Amino acid sequence: MTTTIRWTAARVHSSGAKRLVQMRGDDRGEGVISVAIAVLIMAFLGAAMWIGFQQMWRTTEATTNTKVQQIGNQ
């Protein structure tokens, strides 16, 4: 009976160790996925900032041209 219990305990321990190794293997891509998500977020933020900058530049350019024309006509 003691041998059977030891054999069962050893088998449970080895299968648990295999599961731990398999679980560790599953986490290998986590860093790559996290970095990819961060890069995508930064790309979207950069694109939004660029669009905002272009809009601001157009508004400033139009206002400046209007003011220059007003000064030239006086």
PDB file of N, CA and C in Angstrom:
ATOM      1  N   MET A   1       0.811  -1.185   0.000  1.00  0.00           N
ATOM      2  CA  MET A   1       0.000   0.000   0.000  1.00  0.00           C
ATOM      3  C   MET A   1       0.858   1.254   0.000  1.00  0.00           C
ATOM      4  N   THR A   2       1.929   1.238   0.779  1.00  0.00           N
ATOM      5  CA  THR A   2       2.811   2.386   0.867  1.00  0.00           C
ATOM      6  C   THR A   2       3.458   2.670  -0.480  1.00  0.00           C
ATOM      7  N   THR A   3       3.816   1.617  -1.204  1.00  0.00           N
ATOM      8  CA  THR A   3       4.420   1.784  -2.520  1.00  0.00           C
ATOM      9  C   THR A   3       3.427   2.425  -3.487  1.00  0.00           C
ATOM     10  N   THR A   4       2.203   2.026  -3.438  1.00  0.00           N
ATOM     11  CA  THR A   4       1.178   2.591  -4.308  1.00  0.00           C
ATOM     12  C   THR A   4       0.981   4.073  -4.021  1.00  0.00           C
ATOM     13  N   ILE A   5       0.972   4.454  -2.757  1.00  0.00           N
ATOM     14  CA  ILE A   5       0.801   5.863  -2.388  1.00  0.00           C
ATOM     15  C   ILE A   5       1.994   6.672  -2.878  1.00  0.00           C
ATOM     16  N   ARG A   6       3.195   6.146  -2.688  1.00  0.00           N
ATOM     17  CA  ARG A   6       4.388   6.861  -3.155  1.00  0.00           C
ATOM     18  C   ARG A   6       4.361   7.009  -4.672  1.00  0.00           C
ATOM     19  N   TRP A   7       3.996   5.929  -5.363  1.00  0.00           N
ATOM     20  CA  TRP A   7       3.955   5.979  -6.828  1.00  0.00           C
ATOM     21  C   TRP A   7       2.938   7.020  -7.290  1.00  0.00           C
ATOM     22  N   THR A   8       1.752   7.046  -6.652  1.00  0.00           N
ATOM     23  CA  THR A   8       0.707   8.008  -7.005  1.00  0.00           C
ATOM     24  C   THR A   8       1.168   9.432  -6.714  1.00  0.00           C
ATOM     25  N   ALA A   9       1.798   9.644  -5.569  1.00  0.00           N
ATOM     26  CA  ALA A   9       2.289  10.975  -5.215  1.00  0.00           C
ATOM     27  C   ALA A   9       3.357  11.433  -6.203  1.00  0.00           C
ATOM     28  N   ALA A  10       4.249  10.532  -6.592  1.00  0.00           N
ATOM     29  CA  ALA A  10       5.294  10.881  -7.556  1.00  0.00           C
ATOM     30  C   ALA A  10       4.684  11.214  -8.909  1.00  0.00           C
ATOM     31  N   ARG A  11       3.673  10.480  -9.286  1.00  0.00           N
ATOM     32  CA  ARG A  11       3.025  10.730 -10.581  1.00  0.00           C
ATOM     33  C   ARG A  11       2.297  12.071 -10.577  1.00  0.00           C
ATOM     34  N   VAL A  12       1.606  12.397  -9.499  1.00  0.00           N
ATOM     35  CA  VAL A  12       0.910  13.677  -9.381  1.00  0.00           C
ATOM     36  C   VAL A  12       1.932  14.813  -9.394  1.00  0.00           C
ATOM     37  N   HIS A  13       3.032  14.644  -8.687  1.00  0.00           N
ATOM     38  CA  HIS A  13       4.072  15.667  -8.638  1.00  0.00           C
ATOM     39  C   HIS A  13       4.679  15.897 -10.021  1.00  0.00           C
ATOM     40  N   SER A  14       4.953  14.808 -10.751  1.00  0.00           N
ATOM     41  CA  SER A  14       5.556  14.974 -12.074  1.00  0.00           C
ATOM     42  C   SER A  14       4.572  15.596 -13.064  1.00  0.00           C
ATOM     43  N   SER A  15       3.288  15.254 -12.963  1.00  0.00           N
ATOM     44  CA  SER A  15       2.330  15.863 -13.872  1.00  0.00           C
ATOM     45  C   SER A  15       2.117  17.335 -13.512  1.00  0.00           C
ATOM     46  N   GLY A  16       2.173  17.665 -12.233  1.00  0.00           N
ATOM     47  CA  GLY A  16       2.082  19.071 -11.817  1.00  0.00           C
ATOM     48  C   GLY A  16       3.277  19.865 -12.306  1.00  0.00           C
ATOM     49  N   ALA A  17       4.463  19.266 -12.258  1.00  0.00           N
ATOM     50  CA  ALA A  17       5.670  19.938 -12.755  1.00  0.00           C
ATOM     51  C   ALA A  17       5.570  20.158 -14.258  1.00  0.00           C
ATOM     52  N   LYS A  18       5.015  19.178 -14.976  1.00  0.00           N
ATOM     53  CA  LYS A  18       4.848  19.337 -16.421  1.00  0.00           C
ATOM     54  C   LYS A  18       3.896  20.486 -16.729  1.00  0.00           C
ATOM     55  N   ARG A  19       2.835  20.588 -15.923  1.00  0.00           N
ATOM     56  CA  ARG A  19       1.885  21.691 -16.138  1.00  0.00           C
ATOM     57  C   ARG A  19       2.546  23.039 -15.899  1.00  0.00           C
ATOM     58  N   LEU A  20       3.390  23.114 -14.870  1.00  0.00           N
ATOM     59  CA  LEU A  20       4.088  24.367 -14.606  1.00  0.00           C
ATOM     60  C   LEU A  20       5.009  24.748 -15.766  1.00  0.00           C
ATOM     61  N   VAL A  21       5.698  23.765 -16.304  1.00  0.00           N
ATOM     62  CA  VAL A  21       6.583  24.022 -17.444  1.00  0.00           C
ATOM     63  C   VAL A  21       5.756  24.472 -18.639  1.00  0.00           C
ATOM     64  N   GLN A  22       4.609  23.834 -18.876  1.00  0.00           N
ATOM     65  CA  GLN A  22       3.753  24.221 -19.985  1.00  0.00           C
ATOM     66  C   GLN A  22       3.193  25.623 -19.774  1.00  0.00           C
ATOM     67  N   MET A  23       2.821  25.960 -18.554  1.00  0.00           N
ATOM     68  CA  MET A  23       2.285  27.293 -18.281  1.00  0.00           C
ATOM     69  C   MET A  23       3.361  28.357 -18.482  1.00  0.00           C
ATOM     70  N   ARG A  24       4.590  28.065 -18.057  1.00  0.00           N
ATOM     71  CA  ARG A  24       5.680  29.010 -18.282  1.00  0.00           C
ATOM     72  C   ARG A  24       5.927  29.200 -19.763  1.00  0.00           C
ATOM     73  N   GLY A  25       5.801  28.149 -20.538  1.00  0.00           N
ATOM     74  CA  GLY A  25       5.999  28.244 -21.974  1.00  0.00           C
ATOM     75  C   GLY A  25       4.933  29.082 -22.645  1.00  0.00           C
ATOM     76  N   ASP A  26       3.733  29.106 -22.072  1.00  0.00           N
ATOM     77  CA  ASP A  26       2.637  29.887 -22.640  1.00  0.00           C
ATOM     78  C   ASP A  26       2.838  31.383 -22.474  1.00  0.00           C
ATOM     79  N   ASP A  27       3.618  31.813 -21.485  1.00  0.00           N
ATOM     80  CA  ASP A  27       3.807  33.231 -21.206  1.00  0.00           C
ATOM     81  C   ASP A  27       4.927  33.859 -22.023  1.00  0.00           C
ATOM     82  N   ARG A  28       5.560  33.110 -22.884  1.00  0.00           N
ATOM     83  CA  ARG A  28       6.716  33.635 -23.607  1.00  0.00           C
ATOM     84  C   ARG A  28       6.351  34.783 -24.530  1.00  0.00           C
ATOM     85  N   GLY A  29       5.180  34.780 -25.119  1.00  0.00           N
ATOM     86  CA  GLY A  29       4.803  35.817 -26.060  1.00  0.00           C
ATOM     87  C   GLY A  29       4.157  37.039 -25.417  1.00  0.00           C
ATOM     88  N   GLU A  30       3.981  37.021 -24.107  1.00  0.00           N
ATOM     89  CA  GLU A  30       3.287  38.119 -23.430  1.00  0.00           C
ATOM     90  C   GLU A  30       4.002  39.444 -23.613  1.00  0.00           C
ATOM     91  N   GLY A  31       5.305  39.471 -23.492  1.00  0.00           N
ATOM     92  CA  GLY A  31       6.052  40.716 -23.637  1.00  0.00           C
ATOM     93  C   GLY A  31       5.940  41.284 -25.036  1.00  0.00           C
ATOM     94  N   VAL A  32       5.997  40.416 -26.020  1.00  0.00           N
ATOM     95  CA  VAL A  32       5.916  40.857 -27.411  1.00  0.00           C
ATOM     96  C   VAL A  32       4.543  41.447 -27.695  1.00  0.00           C
ATOM     97  N   ILE A  33       3.514  40.806 -27.205  1.00  0.00           N
ATOM     98  CA  ILE A  33       2.151  41.298 -27.418  1.00  0.00           C
ATOM     99  C   ILE A  33       1.955  42.640 -26.714  1.00  0.00           C
ATOM    100  N   SER A  34       2.447  42.764 -25.491  1.00  0.00           N
ATOM    101  CA  SER A  34       2.315  44.018 -24.747  1.00  0.00           C
ATOM    102  C   SER A  34       3.039  45.149 -25.457  1.00  0.00           C
ATOM    103  N   VAL A  35       4.222  44.881 -25.961  1.00  0.00           N
ATOM    104  CA  VAL A  35       4.978  45.910 -26.678  1.00  0.00           C
ATOM    105  C   VAL A  35       4.260  46.290 -27.971  1.00  0.00           C
ATOM    106  N   ALA A  36       3.706  45.328 -28.657  1.00  0.00           N
ATOM    107  CA  ALA A  36       2.980  45.620 -29.900  1.00  0.00           C
ATOM    108  C   ALA A  36       1.768  46.507 -29.618  1.00  0.00           C
ATOM    109  N   ILE A  37       1.055  46.239 -28.552  1.00  0.00           N
ATOM    110  CA  ILE A  37      -0.091  47.068 -28.185  1.00  0.00           C
ATOM    111  C   ILE A  37       0.367  48.478 -27.837  1.00  0.00           C
ATOM    112  N   ALA A  38       1.464  48.587 -27.086  1.00  0.00           N
ATOM    113  CA  ALA A  38       1.986  49.914 -26.733  1.00  0.00           C
ATOM    114  C   ALA A  38       2.417  50.684 -27.972  1.00  0.00           C
ATOM    115  N   VAL A  39       3.039  50.006 -28.925  1.00  0.00           N
ATOM    116  CA  VAL A  39       3.461  50.667 -30.161  1.00  0.00           C
ATOM    117  C   VAL A  39       2.255  51.151 -30.956  1.00  0.00           C
ATOM    118  N   LEU A  40       1.216  50.342 -31.028  1.00  0.00           N
ATOM    119  CA  LEU A  40      -0.002  50.762 -31.735  1.00  0.00           C
ATOM    120  C   LEU A  40      -0.651  51.972 -31.069  1.00  0.00           C
ATOM    121  N   ILE A  41      -0.706  51.978 -29.757  1.00  0.00           N
ATOM    122  CA  ILE A  41      -1.287  53.115 -29.039  1.00  0.00           C
ATOM    123  C   ILE A  41      -0.465  54.373 -29.326  1.00  0.00           C
ATOM    124  N   MET A  42       0.857  54.257 -29.267  1.00  0.00           N
ATOM    125  CA  MET A  42       1.712  55.418 -29.545  1.00  0.00           C
ATOM    126  C   MET A  42       1.554  55.888 -30.986  1.00  0.00           C
ATOM    127  N   ALA A  43       1.384  54.975 -31.914  1.00  0.00           N
ATOM    128  CA  ALA A  43       1.199  55.348 -33.317  1.00  0.00           C
ATOM    129  C   ALA A  43      -0.111  56.114 -33.498  1.00  0.00           C
ATOM    130  N   PHE A  44      -1.184  55.651 -32.855  1.00  0.00           N
ATOM    131  CA  PHE A  44      -2.464  56.355 -32.945  1.00  0.00           C
ATOM    132  C   PHE A  44      -2.379  57.738 -32.303  1.00  0.00           C
ATOM    133  N   LEU A  45      -1.700  57.826 -31.159  1.00  0.00           N
ATOM    134  CA  LEU A  45      -1.533  59.132 -30.522  1.00  0.00           C
ATOM    135  C   LEU A  45      -0.716  60.074 -31.398  1.00  0.00           C
ATOM    136  N   GLY A  46       0.345  59.554 -32.000  1.00  0.00           N
ATOM    137  CA  GLY A  46       1.163  60.368 -32.895  1.00  0.00           C
ATOM    138  C   GLY A  46       0.380  60.842 -34.104  1.00  0.00           C
ATOM    139  N   ALA A  47      -0.433  59.987 -34.678  1.00  0.00           N
ATOM    140  CA  ALA A  47      -1.246  60.370 -35.831  1.00  0.00           C
ATOM    141  C   ALA A  47      -2.262  61.433 -35.431  1.00  0.00           C
ATOM    142  N   ALA A  48      -2.876  61.278 -34.266  1.00  0.00           N
ATOM    143  CA  ALA A  48      -3.844  62.270 -33.798  1.00  0.00           C
ATOM    144  C   ALA A  48      -3.167  63.613 -33.543  1.00  0.00           C
ATOM    145  N   MET A  49      -1.974  63.583 -32.982  1.00  0.00           N
ATOM    146  CA  MET A  49      -1.245  64.827 -32.735  1.00  0.00           C
ATOM    147  C   MET A  49      -0.856  65.497 -34.054  1.00  0.00           C
ATOM    148  N   TRP A  50      -0.454  64.713 -35.030  1.00  0.00           N
ATOM    149  CA  TRP A  50      -0.080  65.267 -36.329  1.00  0.00           C
ATOM    150  C   TRP A  50      -1.280  65.928 -37.010  1.00  0.00           C
ATOM    151  N   ILE A  51      -2.432  65.281 -36.955  1.00  0.00           N
ATOM    152  CA  ILE A  51      -3.642  65.852 -37.549  1.00  0.00           C
ATOM    153  C   ILE A  51      -4.003  67.158 -36.829  1.00  0.00           C
ATOM    154  N   GLY A  52      -3.906  67.154 -35.516  1.00  0.00           N
ATOM    155  CA  GLY A  52      -4.179  68.374 -34.749  1.00  0.00           C
ATOM    156  C   GLY A  52      -3.195  69.480 -35.082  1.00  0.00           C
ATOM    157  N   PHE A  53      -1.926  69.145 -35.233  1.00  0.00           N
ATOM    158  CA  PHE A  53      -0.912  70.138 -35.583  1.00  0.00           C
ATOM    159  C   PHE A  53      -1.179  70.730 -36.959  1.00  0.00           C
ATOM    160  N   GLN A  54      -1.535  69.873 -37.917  1.00  0.00           N
ATOM    161  CA  GLN A  54      -1.827  70.370 -39.264  1.00  0.00           C
ATOM    162  C   GLN A  54      -3.028  71.312 -39.245  1.00  0.00           C
ATOM    163  N   GLN A  55      -4.064  70.971 -38.505  1.00  0.00           N
ATOM    164  CA  GLN A  55      -5.246  71.823 -38.413  1.00  0.00           C
ATOM    165  C   GLN A  55      -4.884  73.160 -37.773  1.00  0.00           C
ATOM    166  N   MET A  56      -4.093  73.111 -36.712  1.00  0.00           N
ATOM    167  CA  MET A  56      -3.672  74.344 -36.048  1.00  0.00           C
ATOM    168  C   MET A  56      -2.828  75.200 -37.001  1.00  0.00           C
ATOM    169  N   TRP A  57      -1.951  74.565 -37.754  1.00  0.00           N
ATOM    170  CA  TRP A  57      -1.105  75.291 -38.698  1.00  0.00           C
ATOM    171  C   TRP A  57      -1.955  75.974 -39.779  1.00  0.00           C
ATOM    172  N   ARG A  58      -2.953  75.270 -40.307  1.00  0.00           N
ATOM    173  CA  ARG A  58      -3.827  75.860 -41.328  1.00  0.00           C
ATOM    174  C   ARG A  58      -4.587  77.074 -40.775  1.00  0.00           C
ATOM    175  N   THR A  59      -5.100  76.947 -39.559  1.00  0.00           N
ATOM    176  CA  THR A  59      -5.830  78.052 -38.935  1.00  0.00           C
ATOM    177  C   THR A  59      -4.902  79.250 -38.723  1.00  0.00           C
ATOM    178  N   THR A  60      -3.703  78.993 -38.222  1.00  0.00           N
ATOM    179  CA  THR A  60      -2.738  80.066 -37.992  1.00  0.00           C
ATOM    180  C   THR A  60      -2.336  80.719 -39.303  1.00  0.00           C
ATOM    181  N   GLU A  61      -2.124  79.919 -40.334  1.00  0.00           N
ATOM    182  CA  GLU A  61      -1.752  80.451 -41.640  1.00  0.00           C
ATOM    183  C   GLU A  61      -2.864  81.333 -42.214  1.00  0.00           C
ATOM    184  N   ALA A  62      -4.093  80.886 -42.110  1.00  0.00           N
ATOM    185  CA  ALA A  62      -5.228  81.661 -42.627  1.00  0.00           C
ATOM    186  C   ALA A  62      -5.374  82.976 -41.868  1.00  0.00           C
ATOM    187  N   THR A  63      -5.250  82.920 -40.548  1.00  0.00           N
ATOM    188  CA  THR A  63      -5.358  84.137 -39.738  1.00  0.00           C
ATOM    189  C   THR A  63      -4.235  85.115 -40.082  1.00  0.00           C
ATOM    190  N   THR A  64      -3.014  84.612 -40.229  1.00  0.00           N
ATOM    191  CA  THR A  64      -1.871  85.459 -40.571  1.00  0.00           C
ATOM    192  C   THR A  64      -2.060  86.106 -41.936  1.00  0.00           C
ATOM    193  N   ASN A  65      -2.499  85.346 -42.917  1.00  0.00           N
ATOM    194  CA  ASN A  65      -2.731  85.905 -44.250  1.00  0.00           C
ATOM    195  C   ASN A  65      -3.810  86.989 -44.213  1.00  0.00           C
ATOM    196  N   THR A  66      -4.865  86.759 -43.444  1.00  0.00           N
ATOM    197  CA  THR A  66      -5.935  87.748 -43.320  1.00  0.00           C
ATOM    198  C   THR A  66      -5.404  89.042 -42.699  1.00  0.00           C
ATOM    199  N   LYS A  67      -4.621  88.900 -41.642  1.00  0.00           N
ATOM    200  CA  LYS A  67      -4.080  90.084 -40.961  1.00  0.00           C
ATOM    201  C   LYS A  67      -3.106  90.841 -41.864  1.00  0.00           C
ATOM    202  N   VAL A  68      -2.276  90.131 -42.615  1.00  0.00           N
ATOM    203  CA  VAL A  68      -1.324  90.760 -43.528  1.00  0.00           C
ATOM    204  C   VAL A  68      -2.076  91.530 -44.614  1.00  0.00           C
ATOM    205  N   GLN A  69      -3.145  90.951 -45.117  1.00  0.00           N
ATOM    206  CA  GLN A  69      -3.948  91.638 -46.131  1.00  0.00           C
ATOM    207  C   GLN A  69      -4.617  92.888 -45.557  1.00  0.00           C
ATOM    208  N   GLN A  70      -5.079  92.798 -44.318  1.00  0.00           N
ATOM    209  CA  GLN A  70      -5.709  93.953 -43.682  1.00  0.00           C
ATOM    210  C   GLN A  70      -4.700  95.088 -43.510  1.00  0.00           C
ATOM    211  N   ILE A  71      -3.485  94.739 -43.115  1.00  0.00           N
ATOM    212  CA  ILE A  71      -2.442  95.743 -42.918  1.00  0.00           C
ATOM    213  C   ILE A  71      -2.053  96.352 -44.260  1.00  0.00           C
ATOM    214  N   GLY A  72      -1.967  95.538 -45.298  1.00  0.00           N
ATOM    215  CA  GLY A  72      -1.580  96.023 -46.640  1.00  0.00           C
ATOM    216  C   GLY A  72      -2.621  96.921 -47.273  1.00  0.00           C
ATOM    217  N   ASN A  73      -3.871  96.751 -46.951  1.00  0.00           N
ATOM    218  CA  ASN A  73      -4.938  97.552 -47.548  1.00  0.00           C
ATOM    219  C   ASN A  73      -5.111  98.903 -46.869  1.00  0.00           C
ATOM    220  N   GLN A  74      -4.531  99.098 -45.739  1.00  0.00           N
ATOM    221  CA  GLN A  74      -4.734 100.381 -45.030  1.00  0.00           C
ATOM    222  C   GLN A  74      -3.907 101.468 -45.585  1.00  0.00           C
TER     223      GLN A  74
END
